[in-house]
Each structure stands twice: as C-alpha cells, then as structure tokens.
Amino acid sequence: MANEISVTIGASVTNGYLKQTSATQTRQFTQTTARAGSICQDVGTSEEAVSFGDGVPGYIVATNLDTTNFVSLRFVSAGANAIKLEANGGQACFNLGSGVSLYAIADTAACKVKFDWYNV
C-alpha cells in the first residue's frame, strides 16, 4: 500500500488591516512499518528527553495540555528552543529525522504534553 499517513496544514490571521492565509494543503506519505503510538508525558522545568519507548517516531503531533504554561521542544540536549507549544492546546506537527532525539522543557511549571507518533 501507499499513502497511509495524511497530514493537513493551513493557517490564517486577521488582525486589523492584516489578513493573510496560507492555503490548506494535505500531503500523504507511505508508512513502511505499520506502527504508531501515543504518550502523555509530564514535562518539568528542567530539560528532559521525550521517551517513545520502543517506538521509532517519524511524524509527531505534539500537543500541550496545560492551560497556563508553554513548553519548548529541542532537538539536542541543552540546545536552542526550536518549537514552542503554547498553553491551551498549542500544537506542532513535524517529521523527526532518523537518529534525532527530542527534548522538552516547561516554562514556569510542569505541563502534560501529548505526543502522537507514526513510523514512516
């Protein structure tokens, strides 16, 4: 089979005179190994590795479940904050490169972050 994974992305902003829209696009990808999972990790204010157990994530959808604090994601330990997950359901969807680890750090207080992952 082919095109087992579908990712849809789009965005728009309306702020006074500023009106900008990116067209919603759906891309499909082939999954060579039929594996997927979901974890909910408590992320503290000290950097920690995101643990996918035996999973080998490719596509990841990260969702911040905290209502007050944001969470930053990093691709190397003690590295720069690469992705910001805003409070109240802030999300990011990305394809994690082979052999790359994922690290998370909460801003002010511990947060629950849900990671849905799909092998590619």
C-alpha atoms as a PDB file:
ATOM      1  CA  MET A   1       0.000   0.000   0.000  1.00  0.00           C
ATOM      2  CA  ALA A   2       0.952   3.655  -0.196  1.00  0.00           C
ATOM      3  CA  ASN A   3      -0.080   6.984   1.310  1.00  0.00           C
ATOM      4  CA  GLU A   4      -1.134   5.591   4.694  1.00  0.00           C
ATOM      5  CA  ILE A   5      -0.253   8.834   6.538  1.00  0.00           C
ATOM      6  CA  SER A   6      -2.113  12.075   5.737  1.00  0.00           C
ATOM      7  CA  VAL A   7      -1.010  15.441   7.137  1.00  0.00           C
ATOM      8  CA  THR A   8      -3.157  18.554   6.653  1.00  0.00           C
ATOM      9  CA  ILE A   9      -1.777  22.015   7.440  1.00  0.00           C
ATOM     10  CA  GLY A  10      -3.163  25.509   6.946  1.00  0.00           C
ATOM     11  CA  ALA A  11      -3.161  28.851   8.733  1.00  0.00           C
ATOM     12  CA  SER A  12      -4.783  32.264   8.614  1.00  0.00           C
ATOM     13  CA  VAL A  13      -4.523  35.529  10.510  1.00  0.00           C
ATOM     14  CA  THR A  14      -6.866  38.515  10.704  1.00  0.00           C
ATOM     15  CA  ASN A  15      -5.517  41.390  12.796  1.00  0.00           C
ATOM     16  CA  GLY A  16      -6.881  44.806  11.859  1.00  0.00           C
ATOM     17  CA  TYR A  17      -5.749  45.502   8.287  1.00  0.00           C
ATOM     18  CA  LEU A  18      -3.543  42.418   8.246  1.00  0.00           C
ATOM     19  CA  LYS A  19      -5.208  39.494   6.529  1.00  0.00           C
ATOM     20  CA  GLN A  20      -3.044  36.568   5.487  1.00  0.00           C
ATOM     21  CA  THR A  21      -3.951  32.997   4.611  1.00  0.00           C
ATOM     22  CA  SER A  22      -1.859  30.046   3.581  1.00  0.00           C
ATOM     23  CA  ALA A  23      -3.779  27.521   1.566  1.00  0.00           C
ATOM     24  CA  THR A  24      -4.698  24.369   3.423  1.00  0.00           C
ATOM     25  CA  GLN A  25      -2.711  21.505   1.982  1.00  0.00           C
ATOM     26  CA  THR A  26      -2.879  17.782   2.564  1.00  0.00           C
ATOM     27  CA  ARG A  27       0.184  15.642   1.920  1.00  0.00           C
ATOM     28  CA  GLN A  28       0.287  11.883   2.026  1.00  0.00           C
ATOM     29  CA  PHE A  29       3.225   9.703   2.959  1.00  0.00           C
ATOM     30  CA  THR A  30       3.944   6.000   2.780  1.00  0.00           C
ATOM     31  CA  GLN A  31       4.461   4.119   6.032  1.00  0.00           C
ATOM     32  CA  THR A  32       6.923   1.259   5.609  1.00  0.00           C
ATOM     33  CA  THR A  33       6.394  -0.199   9.103  1.00  0.00           C
ATOM     34  CA  ALA A  34       2.827  -0.234  10.454  1.00  0.00           C
ATOM     35  CA  ARG A  35       3.460   1.269  13.886  1.00  0.00           C
ATOM     36  CA  ALA A  36       2.012   4.229  15.762  1.00  0.00           C
ATOM     37  CA  GLY A  37       1.543   5.287  19.339  1.00  0.00           C
ATOM     38  CA  SER A  38       0.560   7.968  21.779  1.00  0.00           C
ATOM     39  CA  ILE A  39       2.159   9.012  25.039  1.00  0.00           C
ATOM     40  CA  CYS A  40       1.356  11.681  27.590  1.00  0.00           C
ATOM     41  CA  GLN A  41       4.481  12.893  29.363  1.00  0.00           C
ATOM     42  CA  ASP A  42       4.791  15.161  32.397  1.00  0.00           C
ATOM     43  CA  VAL A  43       7.359  17.751  31.319  1.00  0.00           C
ATOM     44  CA  GLY A  44       9.123  19.656  34.083  1.00  0.00           C
ATOM     45  CA  THR A  45      11.083  22.903  34.182  1.00  0.00           C
ATOM     46  CA  SER A  46      14.349  21.007  33.730  1.00  0.00           C
ATOM     47  CA  GLU A  47      15.034  19.639  30.258  1.00  0.00           C
ATOM     48  CA  GLU A  48      14.119  16.000  29.765  1.00  0.00           C
ATOM     49  CA  ALA A  49      14.189  13.538  26.907  1.00  0.00           C
ATOM     50  CA  VAL A  50      10.854  12.593  25.388  1.00  0.00           C
ATOM     51  CA  SER A  51      10.528   8.825  25.721  1.00  0.00           C
ATOM     52  CA  PHE A  52       8.783   6.943  22.931  1.00  0.00           C
ATOM     53  CA  GLY A  53       9.615   3.545  24.460  1.00  0.00           C
ATOM     54  CA  ASP A  54      10.292   1.029  21.687  1.00  0.00           C
ATOM     55  CA  GLY A  55       8.686   3.331  19.113  1.00  0.00           C
ATOM     56  CA  VAL A  56      10.637   4.881  16.265  1.00  0.00           C
ATOM     57  CA  PRO A  57       8.714   8.067  15.552  1.00  0.00           C
ATOM     58  CA  GLY A  58       8.747   9.738  12.180  1.00  0.00           C
ATOM     59  CA  TYR A  59       5.778  12.080  12.140  1.00  0.00           C
ATOM     60  CA  ILE A  60       4.924  13.568  15.512  1.00  0.00           C
ATOM     61  CA  VAL A  61       1.964  15.670  16.604  1.00  0.00           C
ATOM     62  CA  ALA A  62       2.821  17.344  19.920  1.00  0.00           C
ATOM     63  CA  THR A  63       0.025  18.949  21.963  1.00  0.00           C
ATOM     64  CA  ASN A  64       0.457  20.977  25.147  1.00  0.00           C
ATOM     65  CA  LEU A  65      -2.376  20.030  27.525  1.00  0.00           C
ATOM     66  CA  ASP A  66      -1.553  22.704  30.124  1.00  0.00           C
ATOM     67  CA  THR A  67      -3.875  25.711  30.367  1.00  0.00           C
ATOM     68  CA  THR A  68      -1.292  28.193  31.683  1.00  0.00           C
ATOM     69  CA  ASN A  69       2.307  27.446  30.657  1.00  0.00           C
ATOM     70  CA  PHE A  70       4.101  26.882  27.369  1.00  0.00           C
ATOM     71  CA  VAL A  71       6.553  24.085  26.568  1.00  0.00           C
ATOM     72  CA  SER A  72       9.638  24.266  24.344  1.00  0.00           C
ATOM     73  CA  LEU A  73      10.967  21.398  22.264  1.00  0.00           C
ATOM     74  CA  ARG A  74      14.637  20.925  21.399  1.00  0.00           C
ATOM     75  CA  PHE A  75      16.443  18.602  19.027  1.00  0.00           C
ATOM     76  CA  VAL A  76      19.703  18.432  21.026  1.00  0.00           C
ATOM     77  CA  SER A  77      20.253  18.406  24.775  1.00  0.00           C
ATOM     78  CA  ALA A  78      20.864  21.920  26.127  1.00  0.00           C
ATOM     79  CA  GLY A  79      20.255  23.250  22.616  1.00  0.00           C
ATOM     80  CA  ALA A  80      18.155  26.160  21.468  1.00  0.00           C
ATOM     81  CA  ASN A  81      14.395  26.021  21.848  1.00  0.00           C
ATOM     82  CA  ALA A  82      13.253  25.007  18.360  1.00  0.00           C
ATOM     83  CA  ILE A  83       9.482  24.654  18.772  1.00  0.00           C
ATOM     84  CA  LYS A  84       7.129  26.441  21.163  1.00  0.00           C
ATOM     85  CA  LEU A  85       3.906  24.746  22.229  1.00  0.00           C
ATOM     86  CA  GLU A  86       1.636  27.494  23.542  1.00  0.00           C
ATOM     87  CA  ALA A  87      -0.680  26.859  26.507  1.00  0.00           C
ATOM     88  CA  ASN A  88      -4.265  25.702  25.879  1.00  0.00           C
ATOM     89  CA  GLY A  89      -3.614  23.083  23.230  1.00  0.00           C
ATOM     90  CA  GLY A  90      -0.659  24.575  21.364  1.00  0.00           C
ATOM     91  CA  GLN A  91       0.391  22.063  18.692  1.00  0.00           C
ATOM     92  CA  ALA A  92       3.167  21.252  16.286  1.00  0.00           C
ATOM     93  CA  CYS A  93       3.401  18.594  13.581  1.00  0.00           C
ATOM     94  CA  PHE A  94       6.818  17.597  12.251  1.00  0.00           C
ATOM     95  CA  ASN A  95       8.805  14.710  10.827  1.00  0.00           C
ATOM     96  CA  LEU A  96      11.617  13.828  13.230  1.00  0.00           C
ATOM     97  CA  GLY A  97      14.776  12.895  11.374  1.00  0.00           C
ATOM     98  CA  SER A  98      16.330   9.458  11.772  1.00  0.00           C
ATOM     99  CA  GLY A  99      18.544   9.246  14.851  1.00  0.00           C
ATOM    100  CA  VAL A 100      17.384  12.622  16.237  1.00  0.00           C
ATOM    101  CA  SER A 101      16.291  12.785  19.870  1.00  0.00           C
ATOM    102  CA  LEU A 102      13.575  15.087  21.180  1.00  0.00           C
ATOM    103  CA  TYR A 103      13.826  17.061  24.413  1.00  0.00           C
ATOM    104  CA  ALA A 104      11.173  19.113  26.200  1.00  0.00           C
ATOM    105  CA  ILE A 105      11.205  21.800  28.876  1.00  0.00           C
ATOM    106  CA  ALA A 106       8.273  23.579  30.508  1.00  0.00           C
ATOM    107  CA  ASP A 107       8.394  27.334  31.057  1.00  0.00           C
ATOM    108  CA  THR A 108       7.210  28.001  34.626  1.00  0.00           C
ATOM    109  CA  ALA A 109       5.616  24.836  35.963  1.00  0.00           C
ATOM    110  CA  ALA A 110       5.304  21.193  34.938  1.00  0.00           C
ATOM    111  CA  CYS A 111       2.966  20.515  31.993  1.00  0.00           C
ATOM    112  CA  LYS A 112       1.404  17.445  30.419  1.00  0.00           C
ATOM    113  CA  VAL A 113       2.277  17.075  26.743  1.00  0.00           C
ATOM    114  CA  LYS A 114       0.685  14.500  24.440  1.00  0.00           C
ATOM    115  CA  PHE A 115       2.837  13.072  21.678  1.00  0.00           C
ATOM    116  CA  ASP A 116       1.105  11.115  18.892  1.00  0.00           C
ATOM    117  CA  TRP A 117       3.683   9.411  16.665  1.00  0.00           C
ATOM    118  CA  TYR A 118       3.712   7.440  13.442  1.00  0.00           C
ATOM    119  CA  ASN A 119       6.518   5.346  11.954  1.00  0.00           C
ATOM    120  CA  VAL A 120       7.379   6.249   8.366  1.00  0.00           C
END
